[in-house]
N, C-alpha and C. Protein backbone atom coordinates (compact mmCIF):
# COMPACT_ATOMS: atom_id res chain seq x y z
N MET A 1 115.81 79.51 99.90
CA MET A 1 116.59 80.44 100.70
C MET A 1 118.04 80.39 100.26
N SER A 2 118.58 81.54 100.00
CA SER A 2 120.00 81.55 99.66
C SER A 2 120.63 82.88 100.07
N PHE A 3 121.92 82.84 100.19
CA PHE A 3 122.70 84.03 100.53
C PHE A 3 123.75 84.20 99.45
N SER A 4 123.90 85.42 98.96
CA SER A 4 125.00 85.64 98.04
C SER A 4 125.84 86.79 98.57
N ILE A 5 127.14 86.63 98.41
CA ILE A 5 128.08 87.62 98.93
C ILE A 5 128.83 88.25 97.77
N LYS A 6 128.81 89.58 97.75
CA LYS A 6 129.55 90.33 96.73
C LYS A 6 130.38 91.37 97.44
N LYS A 7 131.44 91.80 96.78
CA LYS A 7 132.26 92.85 97.33
C LYS A 7 131.96 94.13 96.55
N ASN A 8 131.64 95.20 97.24
CA ASN A 8 131.40 96.49 96.60
C ASN A 8 132.40 97.46 97.22
N ALA A 9 133.50 97.68 96.51
CA ALA A 9 134.62 98.47 97.05
C ALA A 9 135.08 97.86 98.36
N GLU A 10 134.95 98.58 99.46
CA GLU A 10 135.41 98.08 100.77
C GLU A 10 134.34 97.33 101.54
N VAL A 11 133.14 97.21 100.95
CA VAL A 11 132.00 96.68 101.70
C VAL A 11 131.62 95.28 101.20
N VAL A 12 131.43 94.36 102.15
CA VAL A 12 130.92 93.03 101.83
C VAL A 12 129.40 93.13 101.86
N VAL A 13 128.76 92.87 100.71
CA VAL A 13 127.30 92.95 100.61
C VAL A 13 126.74 91.53 100.60
N VAL A 14 125.85 91.26 101.55
CA VAL A 14 125.20 89.95 101.65
C VAL A 14 123.74 90.13 101.26
N ASP A 15 123.33 89.47 100.18
CA ASP A 15 121.92 89.48 99.78
C ASP A 15 121.23 88.25 100.38
N VAL A 16 120.14 88.49 101.10
CA VAL A 16 119.37 87.41 101.71
C VAL A 16 118.12 87.23 100.86
N GLU A 17 117.95 86.03 100.30
CA GLU A 17 116.78 85.75 99.47
C GLU A 17 115.89 84.75 100.21
N GLY A 18 114.61 85.08 100.34
CA GLY A 18 113.68 84.18 101.00
C GLY A 18 113.46 84.61 102.44
N GLN A 19 113.57 83.66 103.36
CA GLN A 19 113.34 83.94 104.77
C GLN A 19 114.61 83.69 105.58
N LEU A 20 114.78 84.47 106.64
CA LEU A 20 115.89 84.25 107.57
C LEU A 20 115.29 83.62 108.81
N ILE A 21 115.44 82.29 108.92
CA ILE A 21 114.76 81.55 109.98
C ILE A 21 115.72 80.56 110.64
N VAL A 22 115.20 79.84 111.64
CA VAL A 22 116.01 78.92 112.42
C VAL A 22 116.78 77.92 111.54
N GLY A 23 116.17 77.51 110.42
CA GLY A 23 116.80 76.49 109.58
C GLY A 23 118.01 76.96 108.80
N ASN A 24 118.17 78.28 108.60
CA ASN A 24 119.28 78.73 107.77
C ASN A 24 120.13 79.82 108.41
N ARG A 25 119.81 80.20 109.62
CA ARG A 25 120.53 81.32 110.24
C ARG A 25 122.01 81.03 110.41
N GLN A 26 122.37 79.78 110.69
CA GLN A 26 123.78 79.44 110.89
C GLN A 26 124.59 79.63 109.61
N GLU A 27 123.95 79.37 108.47
CA GLU A 27 124.64 79.54 107.18
C GLU A 27 125.00 81.01 106.99
N LEU A 28 124.05 81.91 107.28
CA LEU A 28 124.33 83.34 107.17
C LEU A 28 125.46 83.73 108.12
N LYS A 29 125.34 83.27 109.36
CA LYS A 29 126.34 83.63 110.37
C LYS A 29 127.73 83.18 109.93
N GLN A 30 127.83 81.95 109.43
CA GLN A 30 129.13 81.42 109.03
C GLN A 30 129.72 82.19 107.86
N LYS A 31 128.89 82.54 106.89
CA LYS A 31 129.40 83.29 105.73
C LYS A 31 129.97 84.64 106.16
N VAL A 32 129.27 85.32 107.06
CA VAL A 32 129.75 86.63 107.51
C VAL A 32 131.00 86.46 108.37
N LEU A 33 131.01 85.47 109.26
CA LEU A 33 132.19 85.26 110.11
C LEU A 33 133.42 84.88 109.28
N ASP A 34 133.21 84.11 108.21
CA ASP A 34 134.32 83.76 107.31
C ASP A 34 134.94 85.02 106.70
N GLU A 35 134.08 85.95 106.27
CA GLU A 35 134.58 87.21 105.69
C GLU A 35 135.28 88.05 106.75
N LEU A 36 134.74 88.04 107.97
CA LEU A 36 135.35 88.79 109.07
C LEU A 36 136.75 88.25 109.37
N GLU A 37 136.88 86.92 109.34
CA GLU A 37 138.19 86.30 109.58
C GLU A 37 139.20 86.65 108.49
N LYS A 38 138.71 86.92 107.27
CA LYS A 38 139.60 87.31 106.17
C LYS A 38 140.04 88.76 106.31
N GLY A 39 139.50 89.46 107.32
CA GLY A 39 139.92 90.83 107.54
C GLY A 39 138.93 91.88 107.08
N GLU A 40 137.79 91.45 106.57
CA GLU A 40 136.77 92.41 106.14
C GLU A 40 136.19 93.12 107.36
N LYS A 41 135.86 94.39 107.21
CA LYS A 41 135.36 95.19 108.34
C LYS A 41 133.99 95.81 108.11
N LYS A 42 133.61 95.99 106.86
CA LYS A 42 132.34 96.67 106.55
C LYS A 42 131.37 95.69 105.90
N PHE A 43 130.20 95.58 106.51
CA PHE A 43 129.21 94.62 106.04
C PHE A 43 127.86 95.29 105.84
N LEU A 44 127.21 94.93 104.74
CA LEU A 44 125.85 95.38 104.47
C LEU A 44 125.02 94.13 104.18
N ILE A 45 123.94 93.96 104.93
CA ILE A 45 123.02 92.87 104.65
C ILE A 45 121.78 93.48 104.00
N ASP A 46 121.50 93.02 102.78
CA ASP A 46 120.40 93.56 101.98
C ASP A 46 119.21 92.59 102.03
N PHE A 47 118.08 93.10 102.52
CA PHE A 47 116.89 92.27 102.69
C PHE A 47 115.83 92.54 101.63
N SER A 48 116.23 93.07 100.46
CA SER A 48 115.24 93.43 99.44
C SER A 48 114.46 92.21 98.95
N GLN A 49 115.02 91.01 99.08
CA GLN A 49 114.32 89.81 98.62
C GLN A 49 113.94 88.90 99.79
N THR A 50 113.76 89.51 100.97
CA THR A 50 113.44 88.76 102.18
C THR A 50 112.05 89.14 102.65
N GLY A 51 111.21 88.13 102.90
CA GLY A 51 109.86 88.41 103.35
C GLY A 51 109.66 88.24 104.84
N TYR A 52 110.54 87.47 105.48
CA TYR A 52 110.27 87.11 106.87
C TYR A 52 111.58 86.83 107.60
N ILE A 53 111.65 87.29 108.85
CA ILE A 53 112.77 86.97 109.74
C ILE A 53 112.16 86.52 111.05
N ASP A 54 112.53 85.34 111.54
CA ASP A 54 111.99 84.90 112.82
C ASP A 54 112.93 85.32 113.96
N SER A 55 112.57 84.96 115.18
CA SER A 55 113.34 85.42 116.34
C SER A 55 114.78 84.91 116.31
N SER A 56 114.99 83.70 115.80
CA SER A 56 116.37 83.19 115.72
C SER A 56 117.17 83.96 114.68
N GLY A 57 116.49 84.40 113.61
CA GLY A 57 117.15 85.23 112.60
C GLY A 57 117.56 86.56 113.19
N LEU A 58 116.66 87.16 113.98
CA LEU A 58 117.01 88.42 114.66
C LEU A 58 118.19 88.20 115.60
N GLY A 59 118.17 87.08 116.31
CA GLY A 59 119.25 86.76 117.24
C GLY A 59 120.60 86.68 116.55
N VAL A 60 120.60 86.07 115.37
CA VAL A 60 121.86 85.94 114.63
C VAL A 60 122.35 87.31 114.17
N LEU A 61 121.44 88.21 113.79
CA LEU A 61 121.84 89.55 113.39
C LEU A 61 122.45 90.32 114.56
N VAL A 62 121.85 90.18 115.74
CA VAL A 62 122.40 90.83 116.94
C VAL A 62 123.78 90.28 117.26
N SER A 63 123.90 88.96 117.19
CA SER A 63 125.19 88.30 117.46
C SER A 63 126.26 88.76 116.47
N LEU A 64 125.91 88.83 115.18
CA LEU A 64 126.87 89.29 114.16
C LEU A 64 127.26 90.74 114.39
N SER A 65 126.29 91.56 114.75
CA SER A 65 126.56 92.97 115.00
C SER A 65 127.61 93.12 116.11
N LYS A 66 127.42 92.35 117.17
CA LYS A 66 128.34 92.40 118.31
C LYS A 66 129.75 91.96 117.89
N LYS A 67 129.81 90.82 117.18
CA LYS A 67 131.11 90.29 116.74
C LYS A 67 131.84 91.27 115.83
N ILE A 68 131.10 91.83 114.87
CA ILE A 68 131.70 92.75 113.91
C ILE A 68 132.22 93.99 114.63
N ARG A 69 131.44 94.52 115.57
CA ARG A 69 131.88 95.70 116.33
C ARG A 69 133.11 95.38 117.18
N GLU A 70 133.15 94.19 117.77
CA GLU A 70 134.32 93.79 118.57
C GLU A 70 135.59 93.79 117.73
N GLN A 71 135.45 93.52 116.42
CA GLN A 71 136.60 93.48 115.51
C GLN A 71 136.86 94.85 114.88
N GLY A 72 136.13 95.87 115.34
CA GLY A 72 136.34 97.20 114.81
C GLY A 72 135.62 97.47 113.50
N GLY A 73 134.63 96.64 113.21
CA GLY A 73 133.91 96.78 111.95
C GLY A 73 132.54 97.40 112.13
N GLU A 74 131.82 97.46 111.02
CA GLU A 74 130.48 98.06 111.00
C GLU A 74 129.54 97.16 110.22
N LEU A 75 128.29 97.09 110.70
CA LEU A 75 127.25 96.33 110.01
C LEU A 75 126.08 97.26 109.74
N ARG A 76 125.60 97.26 108.50
CA ARG A 76 124.42 98.04 108.12
C ARG A 76 123.39 97.09 107.52
N LEU A 77 122.13 97.49 107.61
CA LEU A 77 121.05 96.73 107.00
C LEU A 77 120.35 97.62 105.98
N ALA A 78 119.81 97.00 104.94
CA ALA A 78 119.12 97.79 103.91
C ALA A 78 117.89 97.04 103.39
N ASN A 79 116.95 97.84 102.88
CA ASN A 79 115.79 97.34 102.16
C ASN A 79 114.86 96.44 102.98
N LEU A 80 114.57 96.84 104.21
CA LEU A 80 113.57 96.10 104.98
C LEU A 80 112.19 96.46 104.44
N ASN A 81 111.34 95.43 104.22
CA ASN A 81 109.98 95.74 103.80
C ASN A 81 109.21 96.31 105.00
N ASP A 82 107.97 96.71 104.80
CA ASP A 82 107.21 97.36 105.88
C ASP A 82 107.07 96.46 107.10
N ASP A 83 106.79 95.16 106.87
CA ASP A 83 106.63 94.23 108.00
C ASP A 83 107.93 94.09 108.78
N LEU A 84 109.04 93.98 108.06
CA LEU A 84 110.34 93.84 108.74
C LEU A 84 110.71 95.13 109.47
N GLN A 85 110.43 96.27 108.86
CA GLN A 85 110.70 97.55 109.51
C GLN A 85 109.93 97.65 110.83
N THR A 86 108.66 97.25 110.80
CA THR A 86 107.83 97.25 112.01
C THR A 86 108.40 96.31 113.05
N LEU A 87 108.84 95.12 112.62
CA LEU A 87 109.44 94.15 113.53
C LEU A 87 110.66 94.76 114.23
N PHE A 88 111.53 95.42 113.48
CA PHE A 88 112.72 96.02 114.06
C PHE A 88 112.35 97.16 115.03
N GLU A 89 111.30 97.90 114.70
CA GLU A 89 110.87 98.98 115.59
C GLU A 89 110.27 98.43 116.88
N LEU A 90 109.41 97.39 116.76
CA LEU A 90 108.76 96.80 117.94
C LEU A 90 109.77 96.18 118.90
N THR A 91 110.82 95.60 118.34
CA THR A 91 111.84 94.94 119.16
C THR A 91 112.96 95.91 119.56
N LYS A 92 112.82 97.17 119.13
CA LYS A 92 113.82 98.21 119.41
C LYS A 92 115.17 97.93 118.74
N LEU A 93 115.19 96.99 117.83
CA LEU A 93 116.45 96.70 117.13
C LEU A 93 116.79 97.79 116.12
N ASP A 94 115.81 98.65 115.81
CA ASP A 94 116.13 99.76 114.91
C ASP A 94 117.09 100.74 115.58
N THR A 95 117.24 100.64 116.91
CA THR A 95 118.21 101.49 117.61
C THR A 95 119.60 100.86 117.62
N LEU A 96 119.67 99.55 117.42
CA LEU A 96 120.95 98.84 117.40
C LEU A 96 121.60 98.90 116.01
N PHE A 97 120.77 98.79 114.99
CA PHE A 97 121.29 98.73 113.62
C PHE A 97 121.07 100.04 112.89
N GLN A 98 122.00 100.36 112.01
CA GLN A 98 121.77 101.47 111.10
C GLN A 98 121.07 100.87 109.88
N ILE A 99 119.84 101.32 109.64
CA ILE A 99 119.00 100.75 108.59
C ILE A 99 118.76 101.80 107.51
N SER A 100 119.01 101.41 106.27
CA SER A 100 118.78 102.32 105.13
C SER A 100 117.68 101.75 104.25
N ASP A 101 116.98 102.64 103.56
CA ASP A 101 115.90 102.16 102.71
C ASP A 101 116.39 101.68 101.35
N THR A 102 117.61 102.01 100.97
CA THR A 102 118.17 101.49 99.72
C THR A 102 119.61 101.02 99.94
N ARG A 103 120.05 100.17 99.06
CA ARG A 103 121.43 99.66 99.12
C ARG A 103 122.41 100.82 98.92
N GLU A 104 122.07 101.73 98.00
CA GLU A 104 122.96 102.84 97.68
C GLU A 104 123.18 103.73 98.91
N ARG A 105 122.08 104.05 99.59
CA ARG A 105 122.21 104.89 100.79
C ARG A 105 123.02 104.18 101.88
N ALA A 106 122.81 102.89 102.00
CA ALA A 106 123.55 102.12 103.00
C ALA A 106 125.05 102.14 102.67
N LEU A 107 125.39 101.96 101.40
CA LEU A 107 126.80 101.96 101.00
C LEU A 107 127.43 103.34 101.23
N GLU A 108 126.65 104.39 100.98
CA GLU A 108 127.18 105.74 101.19
C GLU A 108 127.40 106.06 102.68
N SER A 109 126.71 105.32 103.56
CA SER A 109 126.76 105.63 104.99
C SER A 109 128.04 105.15 105.67
N PHE A 110 128.85 104.35 104.97
CA PHE A 110 130.08 103.83 105.60
C PHE A 110 131.14 104.91 105.68
């Protein structure tokens, strides 16, 4: 499991590789909060290399979304596989997050 952060123009892109679960969710949260503290406002989390997100992973995404919005920023998600897309729909989180099927579309949506 790893997270990589890249800057694409005004957007901080976080690639999540592996699974987003209880054991690593704090690492993701801290990386995004560090960027938020530096003044970044636009975030895209790309799940193209993610197979699984557990309930604590979902919780961290909701928490980050709230924090980023409080700071006047925006969070987008991209590249959810079919299982993850279903998970977001079942939990109604697809109404909280703007989800794009590609990184390019997500970047254009800012």
